[in-house]
Amino acid sequence: MKRIATIVLSITVLCSIAGCGTYYRVTDTTTNTAYYTKKVKSEKSGAVKFTDQSSGATVTLQSSKVEKIKKAEYRAGVRG
């Protein structure tokens, strides 16, 4: 059991160092504007809230499409 805990901890640390993470493209379905972020929070109202990595602005959208994307696509989207 102790060995499994050590393995899990090692994988977690390696992912942190290697930049393992989840990347999202959030598209406003009303304006078709795409935003890129690493964290999306669902509000009780059904809206989503996140920080747009391109502008640094906190964005709340009532009508959106949230997609997990690859790191390369995220980087390209943030660069514009």
PDB file of N, CA and C in Angstrom:
ATOM      1  N   MET A   1       0.834  -1.198   0.000  1.00  0.00           N
ATOM      2  CA  MET A   1       0.000   0.000   0.000  1.00  0.00           C
ATOM      3  C   MET A   1       0.875   1.257   0.000  1.00  0.00           C
ATOM      4  N   LYS A   2       1.952   1.221   0.760  1.00  0.00           N
ATOM      5  CA  LYS A   2       2.840   2.369   0.845  1.00  0.00           C
ATOM      6  C   LYS A   2       3.504   2.624  -0.514  1.00  0.00           C
ATOM      7  N   ARG A   3       3.803   1.540  -1.230  1.00  0.00           N
ATOM      8  CA  ARG A   3       4.432   1.665  -2.541  1.00  0.00           C
ATOM      9  C   ARG A   3       3.479   2.328  -3.544  1.00  0.00           C
ATOM     10  N   ILE A   4       2.207   1.969  -3.499  1.00  0.00           N
ATOM     11  CA  ILE A   4       1.216   2.567  -4.402  1.00  0.00           C
ATOM     12  C   ILE A   4       1.089   4.060  -4.131  1.00  0.00           C
ATOM     13  N   ALA A   5       1.070   4.428  -2.868  1.00  0.00           N
ATOM     14  CA  ALA A   5       0.981   5.849  -2.510  1.00  0.00           C
ATOM     15  C   ALA A   5       2.200   6.608  -3.029  1.00  0.00           C
ATOM     16  N   THR A   6       3.366   6.002  -2.950  1.00  0.00           N
ATOM     17  CA  THR A   6       4.588   6.629  -3.448  1.00  0.00           C
ATOM     18  C   THR A   6       4.532   6.805  -4.959  1.00  0.00           C
ATOM     19  N   ILE A   7       4.029   5.806  -5.662  1.00  0.00           N
ATOM     20  CA  ILE A   7       3.910   5.885  -7.118  1.00  0.00           C
ATOM     21  C   ILE A   7       2.932   6.993  -7.525  1.00  0.00           C
ATOM     22  N   VAL A   8       1.790   7.037  -6.863  1.00  0.00           N
ATOM     23  CA  VAL A   8       0.788   8.072  -7.169  1.00  0.00           C
ATOM     24  C   VAL A   8       1.362   9.462  -6.908  1.00  0.00           C
ATOM     25  N   LEU A   9       2.043   9.635  -5.807  1.00  0.00           N
ATOM     26  CA  LEU A   9       2.654  10.921  -5.480  1.00  0.00           C
ATOM     27  C   LEU A   9       3.701  11.298  -6.522  1.00  0.00           C
ATOM     28  N   SER A  10       4.503  10.331  -6.951  1.00  0.00           N
ATOM     29  CA  SER A  10       5.532  10.587  -7.957  1.00  0.00           C
ATOM     30  C   SER A  10       4.917  11.039  -9.275  1.00  0.00           C
ATOM     31  N   ILE A  11       3.851  10.375  -9.692  1.00  0.00           N
ATOM     32  CA  ILE A  11       3.173  10.755 -10.935  1.00  0.00           C
ATOM     33  C   ILE A  11       2.603  12.164 -10.832  1.00  0.00           C
ATOM     34  N   THR A  12       2.021  12.481  -9.692  1.00  0.00           N
ATOM     35  CA  THR A  12       1.463  13.820  -9.477  1.00  0.00           C
ATOM     36  C   THR A  12       2.552  14.884  -9.579  1.00  0.00           C
ATOM     37  N   VAL A  13       3.683  14.632  -8.952  1.00  0.00           N
ATOM     38  CA  VAL A  13       4.794  15.586  -8.988  1.00  0.00           C
ATOM     39  C   VAL A  13       5.329  15.729 -10.409  1.00  0.00           C
ATOM     40  N   LEU A  14       5.483  14.621 -11.116  1.00  0.00           N
ATOM     41  CA  LEU A  14       5.968  14.674 -12.492  1.00  0.00           C
ATOM     42  C   LEU A  14       5.026  15.449 -13.393  1.00  0.00           C
ATOM     43  N   CYS A  15       3.738  15.252 -13.222  1.00  0.00           N
ATOM     44  CA  CYS A  15       2.767  16.008 -14.018  1.00  0.00           C
ATOM     45  C   CYS A  15       2.848  17.494 -13.716  1.00  0.00           C
ATOM     46  N   SER A  16       3.046  17.846 -12.475  1.00  0.00           N
ATOM     47  CA  SER A  16       3.168  19.250 -12.099  1.00  0.00           C
ATOM     48  C   SER A  16       4.393  19.873 -12.744  1.00  0.00           C
ATOM     49  N   ILE A  17       5.492  19.152 -12.721  1.00  0.00           N
ATOM     50  CA  ILE A  17       6.733  19.658 -13.299  1.00  0.00           C
ATOM     51  C   ILE A  17       6.642  19.716 -14.823  1.00  0.00           C
ATOM     52  N   ALA A  18       6.081  18.694 -15.425  1.00  0.00           N
ATOM     53  CA  ALA A  18       6.008  18.608 -16.882  1.00  0.00           C
ATOM     54  C   ALA A  18       4.918  19.493 -17.473  1.00  0.00           C
ATOM     55  N   GLY A  19       4.097  20.086 -16.647  1.00  0.00           N
ATOM     56  CA  GLY A  19       3.047  20.964 -17.144  1.00  0.00           C
ATOM     57  C   GLY A  19       1.783  20.228 -17.539  1.00  0.00           C
ATOM     58  N   CYS A  20       1.591  19.055 -16.987  1.00  0.00           N
ATOM     59  CA  CYS A  20       0.349  18.332 -17.265  1.00  0.00           C
ATOM     60  C   CYS A  20      -0.803  19.192 -16.762  1.00  0.00           C
ATOM     61  N   GLY A  21      -1.800  19.306 -17.537  1.00  0.00           N
ATOM     62  CA  GLY A  21      -2.937  20.100 -17.114  1.00  0.00           C
ATOM     63  C   GLY A  21      -4.061  19.955 -18.110  1.00  0.00           C
ATOM     64  N   THR A  22      -5.124  20.596 -17.800  1.00  0.00           N
ATOM     65  CA  THR A  22      -6.276  20.572 -18.684  1.00  0.00           C
ATOM     66  C   THR A  22      -6.418  21.956 -19.291  1.00  0.00           C
ATOM     67  N   TYR A  23      -6.667  21.970 -20.565  1.00  0.00           N
ATOM     68  CA  TYR A  23      -6.804  23.214 -21.302  1.00  0.00           C
ATOM     69  C   TYR A  23      -8.185  23.239 -21.944  1.00  0.00           C
ATOM     70  N   TYR A  24      -8.803  24.423 -21.937  1.00  0.00           N
ATOM     71  CA  TYR A  24     -10.159  24.554 -22.446  1.00  0.00           C
ATOM     72  C   TYR A  24     -10.269  25.687 -23.454  1.00  0.00           C
ATOM     73  N   ARG A  25     -11.133  25.473 -24.443  1.00  0.00           N
ATOM     74  CA  ARG A  25     -11.591  26.550 -25.309  1.00  0.00           C
ATOM     75  C   ARG A  25     -13.061  26.725 -24.957  1.00  0.00           C
ATOM     76  N   VAL A  26     -13.427  27.924 -24.542  1.00  0.00           N
ATOM     77  CA  VAL A  26     -14.805  28.234 -24.201  1.00  0.00           C
ATOM     78  C   VAL A  26     -15.310  29.180 -25.283  1.00  0.00           C
ATOM     79  N   THR A  27     -16.340  28.758 -25.974  1.00  0.00           N
ATOM     80  CA  THR A  27     -16.889  29.565 -27.063  1.00  0.00           C
ATOM     81  C   THR A  27     -18.224  30.145 -26.648  1.00  0.00           C
ATOM     82  N   ASP A  28     -18.346  31.469 -26.762  1.00  0.00           N
ATOM     83  CA  ASP A  28     -19.611  32.156 -26.521  1.00  0.00           C
ATOM     84  C   ASP A  28     -20.508  31.840 -27.710  1.00  0.00           C
ATOM     85  N   THR A  29     -21.575  31.090 -27.483  1.00  0.00           N
ATOM     86  CA  THR A  29     -22.428  30.668 -28.594  1.00  0.00           C
ATOM     87  C   THR A  29     -23.260  31.805 -29.179  1.00  0.00           C
ATOM     88  N   THR A  30     -23.344  32.916 -28.470  1.00  0.00           N
ATOM     89  CA  THR A  30     -24.083  34.068 -28.983  1.00  0.00           C
ATOM     90  C   THR A  30     -23.248  34.850 -29.999  1.00  0.00           C
ATOM     91  N   THR A  31     -21.968  35.073 -29.689  1.00  0.00           N
ATOM     92  CA  THR A  31     -21.093  35.883 -30.545  1.00  0.00           C
ATOM     93  C   THR A  31     -20.067  35.054 -31.299  1.00  0.00           C
ATOM     94  N   ASN A  32     -19.956  33.770 -30.978  1.00  0.00           N
ATOM     95  CA  ASN A  32     -18.977  32.856 -31.563  1.00  0.00           C
ATOM     96  C   ASN A  32     -17.536  33.253 -31.231  1.00  0.00           C
ATOM     97  N   THR A  33     -17.334  33.971 -30.116  1.00  0.00           N
ATOM     98  CA  THR A  33     -16.014  34.360 -29.646  1.00  0.00           C
ATOM     99  C   THR A  33     -15.414  33.215 -28.841  1.00  0.00           C
ATOM    100  N   ALA A  34     -14.141  32.893 -29.120  1.00  0.00           N
ATOM    101  CA  ALA A  34     -13.454  31.813 -28.405  1.00  0.00           C
ATOM    102  C   ALA A  34     -12.526  32.393 -27.348  1.00  0.00           C
ATOM    103  N   TYR A  35     -12.532  31.774 -26.177  1.00  0.00           N
ATOM    104  CA  TYR A  35     -11.656  32.135 -25.071  1.00  0.00           C
ATOM    105  C   TYR A  35     -10.853  30.893 -24.687  1.00  0.00           C
ATOM    106  N   TYR A  36      -9.666  31.099 -24.139  1.00  0.00           N
ATOM    107  CA  TYR A  36      -8.809  29.989 -23.737  1.00  0.00           C
ATOM    108  C   TYR A  36      -8.473  30.116 -22.257  1.00  0.00           C
ATOM    109  N   THR A  37      -8.593  28.998 -21.544  1.00  0.00           N
ATOM    110  CA  THR A  37      -8.396  29.011 -20.105  1.00  0.00           C
ATOM    111  C   THR A  37      -7.947  27.633 -19.614  1.00  0.00           C
ATOM    112  N   LYS A  38      -7.482  27.583 -18.378  1.00  0.00           N
ATOM    113  CA  LYS A  38      -7.081  26.319 -17.763  1.00  0.00           C
ATOM    114  C   LYS A  38      -8.082  25.847 -16.719  1.00  0.00           C
ATOM    115  N   LYS A  39      -9.028  26.713 -16.342  1.00  0.00           N
ATOM    116  CA  LYS A  39      -9.985  26.352 -15.302  1.00  0.00           C
ATOM    117  C   LYS A  39     -11.336  26.981 -15.612  1.00  0.00           C
ATOM    118  N   VAL A  40     -12.377  26.179 -15.551  1.00  0.00           N
ATOM    119  CA  VAL A  40     -13.735  26.651 -15.801  1.00  0.00           C
ATOM    120  C   VAL A  40     -14.588  26.281 -14.594  1.00  0.00           C
ATOM    121  N   LYS A  41     -15.337  27.245 -14.104  1.00  0.00           N
ATOM    122  CA  LYS A  41     -16.220  27.010 -12.961  1.00  0.00           C
ATOM    123  C   LYS A  41     -17.669  27.136 -13.411  1.00  0.00           C
ATOM    124  N   SER A  42     -18.478  26.156 -13.069  1.00  0.00           N
ATOM    125  CA  SER A  42     -19.913  26.215 -13.376  1.00  0.00           C
ATOM    126  C   SER A  42     -20.637  26.922 -12.246  1.00  0.00           C
ATOM    127  N   GLU A  43     -21.448  27.893 -12.601  1.00  0.00           N
ATOM    128  CA  GLU A  43     -22.233  28.643 -11.628  1.00  0.00           C
ATOM    129  C   GLU A  43     -23.585  27.950 -11.419  1.00  0.00           C
ATOM    130  N   LYS A  44     -24.255  28.260 -10.322  1.00  0.00           N
ATOM    131  CA  LYS A  44     -25.571  27.678 -10.040  1.00  0.00           C
ATOM    132  C   LYS A  44     -26.602  28.041 -11.098  1.00  0.00           C
ATOM    133  N   SER A  45     -26.432  29.203 -11.709  1.00  0.00           N
ATOM    134  CA  SER A  45     -27.376  29.683 -12.721  1.00  0.00           C
ATOM    135  C   SER A  45     -27.230  28.952 -14.059  1.00  0.00           C
ATOM    136  N   GLY A  46     -26.171  28.147 -14.177  1.00  0.00           N
ATOM    137  CA  GLY A  46     -25.910  27.458 -15.434  1.00  0.00           C
ATOM    138  C   GLY A  46     -24.830  28.143 -16.261  1.00  0.00           C
ATOM    139  N   ALA A  47     -24.427  29.312 -15.842  1.00  0.00           N
ATOM    140  CA  ALA A  47     -23.365  30.044 -16.531  1.00  0.00           C
ATOM    141  C   ALA A  47     -22.013  29.407 -16.214  1.00  0.00           C
ATOM    142  N   VAL A  48     -20.998  29.751 -16.999  1.00  0.00           N
ATOM    143  CA  VAL A  48     -19.631  29.346 -16.698  1.00  0.00           C
ATOM    144  C   VAL A  48     -18.795  30.595 -16.446  1.00  0.00           C
ATOM    145  N   LYS A  49     -17.831  30.459 -15.549  1.00  0.00           N
ATOM    146  CA  LYS A  49     -16.974  31.575 -15.181  1.00  0.00           C
ATOM    147  C   LYS A  49     -15.526  31.113 -15.292  1.00  0.00           C
ATOM    148  N   PHE A  50     -14.670  31.967 -15.860  1.00  0.00           N
ATOM    149  CA  PHE A  50     -13.273  31.610 -16.062  1.00  0.00           C
ATOM    150  C   PHE A  50     -12.454  32.876 -16.291  1.00  0.00           C
ATOM    151  N   THR A  51     -11.139  32.723 -16.292  1.00  0.00           N
ATOM    152  CA  THR A  51     -10.241  33.823 -16.617  1.00  0.00           C
ATOM    153  C   THR A  51      -9.694  33.585 -18.011  1.00  0.00           C
ATOM    154  N   ASP A  52      -9.920  34.530 -18.907  1.00  0.00           N
ATOM    155  CA  ASP A  52      -9.402  34.442 -20.268  1.00  0.00           C
ATOM    156  C   ASP A  52      -7.898  34.670 -20.225  1.00  0.00           C
ATOM    157  N   GLN A  53      -7.128  33.711 -20.706  1.00  0.00           N
ATOM    158  CA  GLN A  53      -5.673  33.802 -20.626  1.00  0.00           C
ATOM    159  C   GLN A  53      -5.088  34.837 -21.567  1.00  0.00           C
ATOM    160  N   SER A  54      -5.776  35.195 -22.624  1.00  0.00           N
ATOM    161  CA  SER A  54      -5.269  36.205 -23.558  1.00  0.00           C
ATOM    162  C   SER A  54      -5.332  37.604 -22.964  1.00  0.00           C
ATOM    163  N   SER A  55      -6.445  37.922 -22.320  1.00  0.00           N
ATOM    164  CA  SER A  55      -6.647  39.279 -21.808  1.00  0.00           C
ATOM    165  C   SER A  55      -6.483  39.395 -20.298  1.00  0.00           C
ATOM    166  N   GLY A  56      -6.597  38.276 -19.587  1.00  0.00           N
ATOM    167  CA  GLY A  56      -6.543  38.305 -18.126  1.00  0.00           C
ATOM    168  C   GLY A  56      -7.878  38.669 -17.495  1.00  0.00           C
ATOM    169  N   ALA A  57      -8.889  38.874 -18.318  1.00  0.00           N
ATOM    170  CA  ALA A  57     -10.210  39.271 -17.821  1.00  0.00           C
ATOM    171  C   ALA A  57     -10.992  38.072 -17.290  1.00  0.00           C
ATOM    172  N   THR A  58     -11.759  38.306 -16.224  1.00  0.00           N
ATOM    173  CA  THR A  58     -12.681  37.295 -15.726  1.00  0.00           C
ATOM    174  C   THR A  58     -13.947  37.386 -16.568  1.00  0.00           C
ATOM    175  N   VAL A  59     -14.366  36.249 -17.118  1.00  0.00           N
ATOM    176  CA  VAL A  59     -15.489  36.214 -18.042  1.00  0.00           C
ATOM    177  C   VAL A  59     -16.563  35.290 -17.487  1.00  0.00           C
ATOM    178  N   THR A  60     -17.811  35.710 -17.576  1.00  0.00           N
ATOM    179  CA  THR A  60     -18.959  34.871 -17.226  1.00  0.00           C
ATOM    180  C   THR A  60     -19.864  34.809 -18.440  1.00  0.00           C
ATOM    181  N   LEU A  61     -20.168  33.580 -18.878  1.00  0.00           N
ATOM    182  CA  LEU A  61     -21.014  33.389 -20.048  1.00  0.00           C
ATOM    183  C   LEU A  61     -22.223  32.543 -19.685  1.00  0.00           C
ATOM    184  N   GLN A  62     -23.382  32.998 -20.082  1.00  0.00           N
ATOM    185  CA  GLN A  62     -24.614  32.246 -19.838  1.00  0.00           C
ATOM    186  C   GLN A  62     -24.799  31.143 -20.878  1.00  0.00           C
ATOM    187  N   SER A  63     -24.386  31.423 -22.101  1.00  0.00           N
ATOM    188  CA  SER A  63     -24.558  30.469 -23.193  1.00  0.00           C
ATOM    189  C   SER A  63     -23.189  30.190 -23.807  1.00  0.00           C
ATOM    190  N   SER A  64     -22.664  28.979 -23.574  1.00  0.00           N
ATOM    191  CA  SER A  64     -21.315  28.684 -24.040  1.00  0.00           C
ATOM    192  C   SER A  64     -21.137  27.216 -24.391  1.00  0.00           C
ATOM    193  N   LYS A  65     -20.049  26.951 -25.092  1.00  0.00           N
ATOM    194  CA  LYS A  65     -19.627  25.594 -25.420  1.00  0.00           C
ATOM    195  C   LYS A  65     -18.218  25.438 -24.856  1.00  0.00           C
ATOM    196  N   VAL A  66     -18.017  24.459 -23.981  1.00  0.00           N
ATOM    197  CA  VAL A  66     -16.724  24.234 -23.343  1.00  0.00           C
ATOM    198  C   VAL A  66     -16.122  22.954 -23.917  1.00  0.00           C
ATOM    199  N   GLU A  67     -14.876  23.074 -24.412  1.00  0.00           N
ATOM    200  CA  GLU A  67     -14.194  21.924 -25.001  1.00  0.00           C
ATOM    201  C   GLU A  67     -12.809  21.765 -24.392  1.00  0.00           C
ATOM    202  N   LYS A  68     -12.429  20.528 -24.055  1.00  0.00           N
ATOM    203  CA  LYS A  68     -11.059  20.244 -23.655  1.00  0.00           C
ATOM    204  C   LYS A  68     -10.232  20.212 -24.930  1.00  0.00           C
ATOM    205  N   ILE A  69      -9.053  20.862 -24.887  1.00  0.00           N
ATOM    206  CA  ILE A  69      -8.187  20.912 -26.054  1.00  0.00           C
ATOM    207  C   ILE A  69      -6.761  20.539 -25.655  1.00  0.00           C
ATOM    208  N   LYS A  70      -5.925  20.322 -26.650  1.00  0.00           N
ATOM    209  CA  LYS A  70      -4.528  19.983 -26.409  1.00  0.00           C
ATOM    210  C   LYS A  70      -3.725  21.243 -26.125  1.00  0.00           C
ATOM    211  N   LYS A  71      -2.588  21.053 -25.468  1.00  0.00           N
ATOM    212  CA  LYS A  71      -1.739  22.167 -25.059  1.00  0.00           C
ATOM    213  C   LYS A  71      -1.318  23.025 -26.254  1.00  0.00           C
ATOM    214  N   ALA A  72      -0.978  22.415 -27.375  1.00  0.00           N
ATOM    215  CA  ALA A  72      -0.542  23.169 -28.555  1.00  0.00           C
ATOM    216  C   ALA A  72      -1.658  24.083 -29.067  1.00  0.00           C
ATOM    217  N   GLU A  73      -2.876  23.583 -29.081  1.00  0.00           N
ATOM    218  CA  GLU A  73      -4.014  24.391 -29.531  1.00  0.00           C
ATOM    219  C   GLU A  73      -4.277  25.535 -28.555  1.00  0.00           C
ATOM    220  N   TYR A  74      -4.126  25.253 -27.264  1.00  0.00           N
ATOM    221  CA  TYR A  74      -4.292  26.269 -26.229  1.00  0.00           C
ATOM    222  C   TYR A  74      -3.272  27.390 -26.433  1.00  0.00           C
ATOM    223  N   ARG A  75      -2.013  27.005 -26.594  1.00  0.00           N
ATOM    224  CA  ARG A  75      -0.949  28.017 -26.785  1.00  0.00           C
ATOM    225  C   ARG A  75      -1.199  28.862 -28.028  1.00  0.00           C
ATOM    226  N   ALA A  76      -1.611  28.226 -29.111  1.00  0.00           N
ATOM    227  CA  ALA A  76      -1.889  28.967 -30.346  1.00  0.00           C
ATOM    228  C   ALA A  76      -3.055  29.930 -30.128  1.00  0.00           C
ATOM    229  N   GLY A  77      -4.070  29.509 -29.418  1.00  0.00           N
ATOM    230  CA  GLY A  77      -5.223  30.357 -29.154  1.00  0.00           C
ATOM    231  C   GLY A  77      -4.907  31.536 -28.271  1.00  0.00           C
ATOM    232  N   VAL A  78      -4.050  31.315 -27.267  1.00  0.00           N
ATOM    233  CA  VAL A  78      -3.676  32.403 -26.364  1.00  0.00           C
ATOM    234  C   VAL A  78      -2.834  33.440 -27.098  1.00  0.00           C
ATOM    235  N   ARG A  79      -1.983  32.990 -27.987  1.00  0.00           N
ATOM    236  CA  ARG A  79      -1.141  33.916 -28.763  1.00  0.00           C
ATOM    237  C   ARG A  79      -1.957  34.739 -29.758  1.00  0.00           C
ATOM    238  N   GLY A  80      -3.086  34.163 -30.181  1.00  0.00           N
ATOM    239  CA  GLY A  80      -3.961  34.875 -31.108  1.00  0.00           C
ATOM    240  C   GLY A  80      -3.626  34.554 -32.478  1.00  0.00           C
TER     241      GLY A  80
END
